[in-house]
């Protein structure tokens, strides 16, 4: 039986929030592909690499790929195509190959492009579940994201004020990911709607994590890439 290619979820940032299954697969993997970005100053940074190193994964197994942070998604697709090609070269059906993703690999994770291509090529793959950022955020803030019969919707940053208000006025709790995509709208929305509960998080699971439930403070804050907002009606 051939060994699958593993898509391993790393969790939101705290190395201790990885599952035992994920950790065991990483420790057994010959090659581990992880995303990194290059700053304007040319520095290569990677939260995934920070997690892997904190777990004492050998450097010899780590294979970074640069993921351009650009609205031009064709650049990201080129990076994923490069990973796919490297995996196809390395795959022999025996050695374990892992591709990691922050949070959960199946939840707003663009590495599905690689998994889809591997499937089309006839290679089996297995995804290892992880802790998504908004679940870790709820624990950090000491809040029940939803309880009893409450409903929840999780939205990407592509959302309008009208859509957001529609969910909340109907009693639905809203989680918004990727806040940098709708920063202006959100700041105005928070200032204009004081009847909702706002829970804002940055860098959850890292030394830089930040949480606030103060409406004015949240409205005046810049929203970086690793941020999310939970709004309760």
Protein backbone atom coordinates (compact mmCIF):
# COMPACT_ATOMS: atom_id res chain seq x y z
CA UNK A 1 0.00 0.00 0.00
CA UNK A 2 1.42 3.36 -1.05
CA UNK A 3 2.06 6.08 1.51
CA UNK A 4 -0.18 9.11 0.94
CA UNK A 5 1.03 12.69 0.74
CA UNK A 6 0.03 14.32 4.02
CA UNK A 7 -1.53 17.75 4.39
CA UNK A 8 -0.81 18.59 8.00
CA UNK A 9 -2.60 21.28 10.02
CA UNK A 10 -0.31 23.18 12.39
CA UNK A 11 -2.94 25.06 14.38
CA UNK A 12 -3.12 28.83 14.87
CA UNK A 13 0.40 29.48 16.18
CA UNK A 14 0.95 27.88 19.55
CA UNK A 15 3.06 24.74 18.90
CA UNK A 16 1.21 22.96 21.72
CA UNK A 17 -2.07 23.26 19.79
CA UNK A 18 -0.96 20.75 17.17
CA UNK A 19 -2.55 17.29 17.36
CA UNK A 20 -0.56 14.21 18.33
CA UNK A 21 -1.37 12.67 14.95
CA UNK A 22 0.03 15.68 13.12
CA UNK A 23 3.16 15.70 15.27
CA UNK A 24 3.81 12.01 14.70
CA UNK A 25 3.48 12.40 10.93
CA UNK A 26 5.84 15.37 10.91
CA UNK A 27 8.43 13.46 12.93
CA UNK A 28 8.28 10.62 10.41
CA UNK A 29 8.35 12.80 7.28
CA UNK A 30 11.33 12.86 4.95
CA UNK A 31 10.33 16.20 3.40
CA UNK A 32 8.06 18.90 4.85
CA UNK A 33 6.97 21.78 2.62
CA UNK A 34 5.98 24.94 4.46
CA UNK A 35 4.90 28.43 3.31
CA UNK A 36 7.06 31.50 3.85
CA UNK A 37 6.83 35.12 2.75
CA UNK A 38 9.45 37.68 1.81
CA UNK A 39 9.21 41.15 3.35
CA UNK A 40 9.88 44.33 1.41
CA UNK A 41 13.30 44.34 3.06
CA UNK A 42 14.02 40.91 1.61
CA UNK A 43 13.70 38.98 4.88
CA UNK A 44 12.09 35.55 4.67
CA UNK A 45 9.61 34.95 7.50
CA UNK A 46 7.31 32.03 8.27
CA UNK A 47 4.98 31.31 11.16
CA UNK A 48 4.83 27.71 9.97
CA UNK A 49 8.62 27.42 10.27
CA UNK A 50 8.49 28.89 13.78
CA UNK A 51 6.01 26.18 14.80
CA UNK A 52 8.00 23.39 13.16
CA UNK A 53 11.24 24.45 14.83
CA UNK A 54 9.54 24.75 18.21
CA UNK A 55 8.48 21.11 17.73
CA UNK A 56 12.13 20.14 17.12
CA UNK A 57 11.52 19.01 13.55
CA UNK A 58 14.96 18.49 11.90
CA UNK A 59 16.09 21.30 9.60
CA UNK A 60 17.09 18.68 7.04
CA UNK A 61 13.41 17.87 6.46
CA UNK A 62 12.23 21.47 6.00
CA UNK A 63 11.48 22.68 2.48
CA UNK A 64 10.27 26.30 2.32
CA UNK A 65 8.31 27.76 -0.56
CA UNK A 66 7.85 31.50 -0.97
CA UNK A 67 4.20 32.49 -1.12
CA UNK A 68 3.77 36.02 -2.54
CA UNK A 69 1.36 38.15 -0.51
CA UNK A 70 -0.39 39.72 -3.45
CA UNK A 71 -3.94 40.20 -4.68
CA UNK A 72 -2.70 38.71 -7.95
CA UNK A 73 -3.54 35.09 -7.16
CA UNK A 74 -1.68 33.84 -10.23
CA UNK A 75 1.57 34.39 -8.31
CA UNK A 76 0.37 32.16 -5.46
CA UNK A 77 -0.75 29.55 -7.98
CA UNK A 78 2.76 29.54 -9.44
CA UNK A 79 4.17 28.87 -5.97
CA UNK A 80 1.73 25.99 -5.42
CA UNK A 81 2.54 24.61 -8.87
CA UNK A 82 6.20 24.60 -7.83
CA UNK A 83 5.40 22.59 -4.69
CA UNK A 84 3.34 20.14 -6.73
CA UNK A 85 6.22 19.60 -9.15
CA UNK A 86 8.70 19.04 -6.29
CA UNK A 87 6.38 16.55 -4.62
CA UNK A 88 5.96 14.65 -7.89
CA UNK A 89 9.77 14.40 -8.18
CA UNK A 90 10.22 13.18 -4.60
CA UNK A 91 7.27 10.85 -4.33
CA UNK A 92 8.22 7.17 -4.40
CA UNK A 93 5.26 5.67 -2.55
CA UNK A 94 7.34 4.90 0.53
CA UNK A 95 8.86 8.05 2.06
CA UNK A 96 6.47 10.33 3.87
CA UNK A 97 5.99 13.79 2.38
CA UNK A 98 4.08 16.47 4.28
CA UNK A 99 2.73 19.85 3.22
CA UNK A 100 1.76 22.01 6.16
CA UNK A 101 -0.78 24.77 6.66
CA UNK A 102 -1.43 27.12 9.55
CA UNK A 103 -4.77 26.70 11.31
CA UNK A 104 -6.70 23.87 9.69
CA UNK A 105 -5.59 22.74 6.23
CA UNK A 106 -9.19 22.44 5.06
CA UNK A 107 -10.50 25.75 6.40
CA UNK A 108 -9.81 28.81 4.21
CA UNK A 109 -6.50 27.22 3.27
CA UNK A 110 -5.32 27.70 -0.29
CA UNK A 111 -3.16 24.57 -0.29
CA UNK A 112 -6.22 22.79 -1.65
CA UNK A 113 -4.79 23.74 -5.07
CA UNK A 114 -1.93 21.30 -4.45
CA UNK A 115 -4.20 18.58 -3.10
CA UNK A 116 -6.49 18.90 -6.11
CA UNK A 117 -3.58 18.57 -8.53
CA UNK A 118 -2.21 15.52 -6.71
CA UNK A 119 -5.64 13.90 -6.92
CA UNK A 120 -5.81 14.59 -10.65
CA UNK A 121 -2.38 12.98 -11.00
CA UNK A 122 -3.59 9.85 -9.24
CA UNK A 123 -1.70 10.31 -5.96
CA UNK A 124 -3.50 9.62 -2.72
CA UNK A 125 -3.39 12.21 0.03
CA UNK A 126 -4.58 12.49 3.60
CA UNK A 127 -5.47 15.65 5.48
CA UNK A 128 -4.82 15.91 9.20
CA UNK A 129 -7.28 18.16 11.03
CA UNK A 130 -6.16 21.04 13.23
CA UNK A 131 -7.41 23.85 15.44
CA UNK A 132 -8.77 26.80 13.41
CA UNK A 133 -7.82 30.27 14.60
CA UNK A 134 -11.32 31.36 15.65
CA UNK A 135 -11.63 28.41 18.03
CA UNK A 136 -8.32 29.30 19.66
CA UNK A 137 -9.47 32.93 19.76
CA UNK A 138 -12.61 32.02 21.67
CA UNK A 139 -10.48 30.24 24.27
CA UNK A 140 -8.12 33.22 24.52
CA UNK A 141 -11.00 35.65 25.06
CA UNK A 142 -12.81 33.33 27.47
CA UNK A 143 -15.96 33.54 25.38
CA UNK A 144 -18.42 30.90 24.17
CA UNK A 145 -18.38 31.44 20.42
CA UNK A 146 -21.86 29.87 20.23
CA UNK A 147 -24.01 28.08 22.79
CA UNK A 148 -27.28 26.16 22.89
CA UNK A 149 -29.35 27.01 19.78
CA UNK A 150 -27.21 29.93 18.57
CA UNK A 151 -26.11 30.02 14.94
CA UNK A 152 -22.69 30.87 13.57
CA UNK A 153 -21.43 32.03 10.18
CA UNK A 154 -17.75 32.33 9.26
CA UNK A 155 -16.95 34.89 6.56
CA UNK A 156 -13.82 35.85 4.63
CA UNK A 157 -12.84 39.49 4.44
CA UNK A 158 -14.94 39.94 1.30
CA UNK A 159 -18.10 41.13 3.05
CA UNK A 160 -20.32 44.23 2.91
CA UNK A 161 -21.77 46.21 5.82
CA UNK A 162 -25.29 45.32 4.67
CA UNK A 163 -24.51 41.61 4.62
CA UNK A 164 -22.89 41.80 8.04
CA UNK A 165 -25.79 43.73 9.58
CA UNK A 166 -28.24 41.25 8.06
CA UNK A 167 -26.66 38.31 9.85
CA UNK A 168 -26.42 40.11 13.18
CA UNK A 169 -29.94 41.50 13.22
CA UNK A 170 -31.22 37.96 12.62
CA UNK A 171 -29.36 36.76 15.72
CA UNK A 172 -26.40 35.04 14.05
CA UNK A 173 -22.91 35.25 15.56
CA UNK A 174 -20.34 36.25 12.92
CA UNK A 175 -16.67 35.36 12.62
CA UNK A 176 -14.73 37.41 10.07
CA UNK A 177 -11.34 36.17 8.87
CA UNK A 178 -8.75 38.10 6.84
CA UNK A 179 -9.79 41.50 8.18
CA UNK A 180 -7.19 43.39 6.16
CA UNK A 181 -9.41 42.88 3.11
CA UNK A 182 -12.28 44.88 4.60
CA UNK A 183 -10.55 47.14 7.14
CA UNK A 184 -12.21 50.43 6.13
CA UNK A 185 -15.72 49.00 6.09
CA UNK A 186 -15.24 47.25 9.43
CA UNK A 187 -13.89 50.31 11.24
CA UNK A 188 -16.89 52.35 10.09
CA UNK A 189 -19.31 49.53 10.93
CA UNK A 190 -17.99 49.16 14.47
CA UNK A 191 -18.22 52.90 15.09
CA UNK A 192 -21.80 53.07 13.77
CA UNK A 193 -23.17 49.94 15.49
CA UNK A 194 -22.77 50.00 19.27
CA UNK A 195 -25.40 47.36 20.03
CA UNK A 196 -23.24 44.35 19.22
CA UNK A 197 -20.45 42.61 21.16
CA UNK A 198 -17.08 42.82 19.43
CA UNK A 199 -14.17 40.49 20.17
CA UNK A 200 -11.00 41.30 18.22
CA UNK A 201 -7.88 39.11 18.01
CA UNK A 202 -4.41 39.34 16.51
CA UNK A 203 -1.62 36.79 16.25
CA UNK A 204 -3.51 34.18 18.28
CA UNK A 205 -1.25 31.52 19.74
CA UNK A 206 1.95 33.54 19.46
CA UNK A 207 3.96 35.76 21.80
CA UNK A 208 2.37 38.76 20.03
CA UNK A 209 -1.24 37.71 20.58
CA UNK A 210 -3.66 40.53 21.35
CA UNK A 211 -7.31 40.59 22.39
CA UNK A 212 -9.76 43.42 22.97
CA UNK A 213 -13.51 43.68 23.45
CA UNK A 214 -13.48 47.49 23.60
CA UNK A 215 -15.39 48.86 20.63
CA UNK A 216 -13.60 52.21 20.25
CA UNK A 217 -10.20 50.60 20.65
CA UNK A 218 -10.97 48.01 17.98
CA UNK A 219 -12.40 50.57 15.53
CA UNK A 220 -9.22 52.64 15.66
CA UNK A 221 -6.84 49.74 15.20
CA UNK A 222 -5.18 48.68 11.96
CA UNK A 223 -6.03 45.11 10.99
CA UNK A 224 -2.99 43.01 10.05
CA UNK A 225 -3.12 39.76 8.09
CA UNK A 226 -3.26 37.52 11.16
CA UNK A 227 -6.37 39.03 12.72
CA UNK A 228 -9.99 38.05 13.14
CA UNK A 229 -13.17 39.44 14.65
CA UNK A 230 -16.02 37.70 16.44
CA UNK A 231 -19.23 39.73 16.58
CA UNK A 232 -22.13 38.60 18.74
CA UNK A 233 -25.63 40.08 18.38
